[in-house]
Amino acid sequence: MTSVARSALKAAIGSVAETVITLLKHTEYLEGGFAVNQLTHNLQSGWLAEQAGEDDEVVVAAVIHDIGKVISKPNHNNIVAEIAKPFVRPDVYNMLLAHQDFEGRFYYKYINKNPDAYKKHIGTSYYELTKRFSDEYDQKAFDPNAYTPSLEYFIPKIEKVFAYPKYSCPPDLEYVKSDFS
């Protein structure tokens, strides 16, 4: 790989964290009838995950789990999961992908969807993580009186997780992984 190609690749990968942070900033304008806006919800989710002792990939996933709503609310879980896929381990990717089915336990019945959709994930390697995320970090993060750290608090973790693709990494990228460490 040439030095020009390596520089271009580093710039492209570096922009993923910036894009994620930009999407997070845009969630401030999404309210959806909740007691807090979507940015506050995301930050509270991340804080709860961090306080529970989750690792950086899960904490960052909790912070970003609803950024796809900036683009498409019905498909937000697919959007965020695909953005994160090369940067988080498979169970975290699947948590992001499946989290909507777990959240559906609380409201799908009101919109003519199956509230038992989460059951199709029983027995999977990511079931317990996704259930814990849904029950302990997502559902509990709508409190206007709860402590909410700033987005700036999470930026170092976001930059660390999105520093380079650790999973599903193309072979030619192996040469530059050390440049991001």
Protein backbone atom coordinates (compact mmCIF):
# COMPACT_ATOMS: atom_id res chain seq x y z
CA MET A 1 0.00 0.00 0.00
CA THR A 2 1.42 3.37 -0.98
CA SER A 3 1.81 6.18 1.52
CA VAL A 4 -0.82 8.21 -0.38
CA ALA A 5 -3.30 5.32 -0.20
CA ARG A 6 -2.48 4.81 3.49
CA SER A 7 -3.11 8.52 4.21
CA ALA A 8 -6.42 8.46 2.32
CA LEU A 9 -7.50 5.35 4.20
CA LYS A 10 -6.62 6.86 7.57
CA ALA A 11 -8.60 10.00 6.68
CA ALA A 12 -11.64 7.95 5.64
CA ILE A 13 -11.57 5.83 8.78
CA GLY A 14 -11.00 8.87 11.01
CA SER A 15 -14.10 10.48 9.58
CA VAL A 16 -16.33 7.65 10.87
CA ALA A 17 -15.98 8.89 14.46
CA GLU A 18 -16.64 12.44 13.29
CA THR A 19 -19.73 11.32 11.38
CA VAL A 20 -21.05 9.39 14.39
CA ILE A 21 -20.53 12.44 16.61
CA THR A 22 -22.31 14.64 14.06
CA LEU A 23 -25.27 12.23 13.94
CA LEU A 24 -25.37 12.25 17.75
CA LYS A 25 -25.51 16.05 17.76
CA HIS A 26 -28.47 15.92 15.36
CA THR A 27 -30.39 13.64 17.74
CA GLU A 28 -30.83 16.65 20.02
CA TYR A 29 -33.63 17.78 17.71
CA LEU A 30 -35.54 14.49 17.91
CA GLU A 31 -38.08 14.38 20.70
CA GLY A 32 -40.77 11.91 19.67
CA GLY A 33 -43.05 12.63 22.63
CA PHE A 34 -40.56 11.50 25.28
CA ALA A 35 -39.65 13.41 28.44
CA VAL A 36 -36.14 14.01 27.07
CA ASN A 37 -34.76 14.56 23.58
CA GLN A 38 -32.98 11.75 21.79
CA LEU A 39 -29.47 13.08 22.55
CA THR A 40 -30.19 13.14 26.28
CA HIS A 41 -31.62 9.62 26.01
CA ASN A 42 -28.51 8.38 24.20
CA LEU A 43 -26.15 9.99 26.72
CA GLN A 44 -28.12 8.61 29.68
CA SER A 45 -28.04 5.14 28.07
CA GLY A 46 -24.27 5.33 27.75
CA TRP A 47 -23.87 6.59 31.31
CA LEU A 48 -25.98 3.75 32.69
CA ALA A 49 -23.95 1.20 30.71
CA GLU A 50 -20.68 2.71 31.92
CA GLN A 51 -21.84 2.80 35.54
CA ALA A 52 -22.82 -0.87 35.26
CA GLY A 53 -19.24 -1.71 34.26
CA GLU A 54 -19.76 -2.45 30.57
CA ASP A 55 -16.71 -2.27 28.30
CA ASP A 56 -16.09 0.61 25.89
CA GLU A 57 -17.74 -1.10 22.91
CA VAL A 58 -21.01 -1.59 24.81
CA VAL A 59 -20.86 1.90 26.33
CA VAL A 60 -20.34 3.49 22.92
CA ALA A 61 -23.05 1.29 21.40
CA ALA A 62 -25.42 2.52 24.13
CA VAL A 63 -24.49 6.13 23.34
CA ILE A 64 -25.05 5.73 19.60
CA HIS A 65 -27.88 3.17 19.51
CA ASP A 66 -30.49 5.61 18.17
CA ILE A 67 -28.39 7.76 15.79
CA GLY A 68 -30.01 6.02 12.83
CA LYS A 69 -33.23 7.87 13.69
CA VAL A 70 -31.69 10.98 12.14
CA ILE A 71 -31.97 9.16 8.80
CA SER A 72 -34.91 6.75 9.25
CA LYS A 73 -36.81 6.00 12.45
CA PRO A 74 -38.24 2.64 11.31
CA ASN A 75 -34.81 1.41 10.17
CA HIS A 76 -32.63 3.11 12.75
CA ASN A 77 -31.40 -0.13 14.30
CA ASN A 78 -30.19 -1.43 10.93
CA ILE A 79 -28.44 1.86 10.16
CA VAL A 80 -26.53 2.11 13.43
CA ALA A 81 -25.64 -1.58 13.40
CA GLU A 82 -24.10 -1.33 9.94
CA ILE A 83 -22.16 1.81 10.84
CA ALA A 84 -20.73 0.07 13.90
CA LYS A 85 -20.23 -3.43 12.43
CA PRO A 86 -16.52 -3.18 11.52
CA PHE A 87 -15.70 -1.49 14.84
CA VAL A 88 -17.49 -3.63 17.45
CA ARG A 89 -17.50 -7.34 18.19
CA PRO A 90 -20.35 -9.44 16.76
CA ASP A 91 -22.47 -9.57 19.94
CA VAL A 92 -22.47 -5.76 20.17
CA TYR A 93 -23.32 -5.47 16.46
CA ASN A 94 -26.22 -7.89 16.97
CA MET A 95 -27.33 -6.01 20.08
CA LEU A 96 -27.63 -2.85 18.00
CA LEU A 97 -29.40 -4.72 15.23
CA ALA A 98 -31.89 -6.47 17.55
CA HIS A 99 -32.49 -3.78 20.18
CA GLN A 100 -35.70 -2.59 18.52
CA ASP A 101 -37.29 -6.03 18.87
CA PHE A 102 -36.52 -5.93 22.60
CA GLU A 103 -37.89 -2.40 22.95
CA GLY A 104 -41.01 -3.57 21.11
CA ARG A 105 -42.01 -5.47 24.25
CA PHE A 106 -43.11 -2.10 25.62
CA TYR A 107 -44.99 -0.59 22.70
CA TYR A 108 -45.42 -2.86 19.66
CA LYS A 109 -48.95 -3.77 20.73
CA TYR A 110 -49.97 -0.12 20.23
CA ILE A 111 -48.80 -0.04 16.62
CA ASN A 112 -50.07 -3.44 15.42
CA LYS A 113 -46.70 -5.17 15.71
CA ASN A 114 -45.84 -8.32 17.60
CA PRO A 115 -44.59 -7.49 21.12
CA ASP A 116 -43.04 -10.97 21.23
CA ALA A 117 -40.68 -10.23 18.31
CA TYR A 118 -37.75 -10.34 20.74
CA LYS A 119 -38.36 -14.06 21.31
CA LYS A 120 -36.80 -14.93 17.95
CA HIS A 121 -33.47 -13.95 19.55
CA ILE A 122 -33.75 -16.39 22.49
CA GLY A 123 -30.79 -18.76 22.48
CA THR A 124 -28.52 -16.47 20.46
CA SER A 125 -25.09 -15.43 21.68
CA TYR A 126 -26.25 -11.82 22.01
CA TYR A 127 -29.63 -12.38 23.72
CA GLU A 128 -28.52 -11.66 27.31
CA LEU A 129 -26.50 -8.58 26.31
CA THR A 130 -29.39 -7.17 24.29
CA LYS A 131 -31.92 -7.86 27.04
CA ARG A 132 -29.63 -6.20 29.61
CA PHE A 133 -29.11 -3.23 27.29
CA SER A 134 -32.85 -2.86 26.71
CA ASP A 135 -33.92 -3.31 30.33
CA GLU A 136 -31.11 -1.54 32.16
CA TYR A 137 -29.75 1.13 29.82
CA ASP A 138 -32.31 1.93 27.11
CA GLN A 139 -35.61 1.81 29.01
CA LYS A 140 -34.22 3.65 32.04
CA ALA A 141 -32.81 6.54 30.01
CA PHE A 142 -35.81 8.83 29.62
CA ASP A 143 -35.55 10.68 32.93
CA PRO A 144 -35.38 14.49 32.73
CA ASN A 145 -34.11 14.56 36.32
CA ALA A 146 -31.35 11.96 35.91
CA TYR A 147 -27.69 12.85 35.64
CA THR A 148 -26.70 13.25 32.01
CA PRO A 149 -23.04 13.62 31.05
CA SER A 150 -22.15 15.85 28.13
CA LEU A 151 -21.46 14.49 24.67
CA GLU A 152 -17.86 15.67 25.14
CA TYR A 153 -17.52 13.20 28.01
CA PHE A 154 -18.04 10.29 25.59
CA ILE A 155 -16.04 11.61 22.62
CA PRO A 156 -12.73 9.93 23.67
CA LYS A 157 -14.50 6.55 23.90
CA ILE A 158 -16.24 7.10 20.55
CA GLU A 159 -12.93 8.00 18.93
CA LYS A 160 -11.26 4.94 20.49
CA VAL A 161 -13.94 2.49 19.34
CA PHE A 162 -14.08 3.99 15.85
CA ALA A 163 -10.29 4.37 15.52
CA TYR A 164 -10.01 1.51 13.03
CA PRO A 165 -12.11 -1.47 11.91
CA LYS A 166 -11.21 -4.29 14.26
CA TYR A 167 -13.78 -6.69 12.85
CA SER A 168 -14.56 -7.57 9.25
CA CYS A 169 -11.26 -5.93 8.45
CA PRO A 170 -10.15 -6.05 4.78
CA PRO A 171 -6.73 -7.72 4.40
CA ASP A 172 -5.08 -4.59 2.95
CA LEU A 173 -6.09 -2.66 6.06
CA GLU A 174 -4.03 -4.99 8.26
CA TYR A 175 -0.98 -3.00 7.14
CA VAL A 176 -2.28 0.21 8.64
CA LYS A 177 -3.88 -1.06 11.86
CA SER A 178 -0.75 -0.20 13.80
CA ASP A 179 -1.03 3.40 12.58
CA PHE A 180 -4.26 3.78 14.60
CA SER A 181 -3.15 2.15 17.83
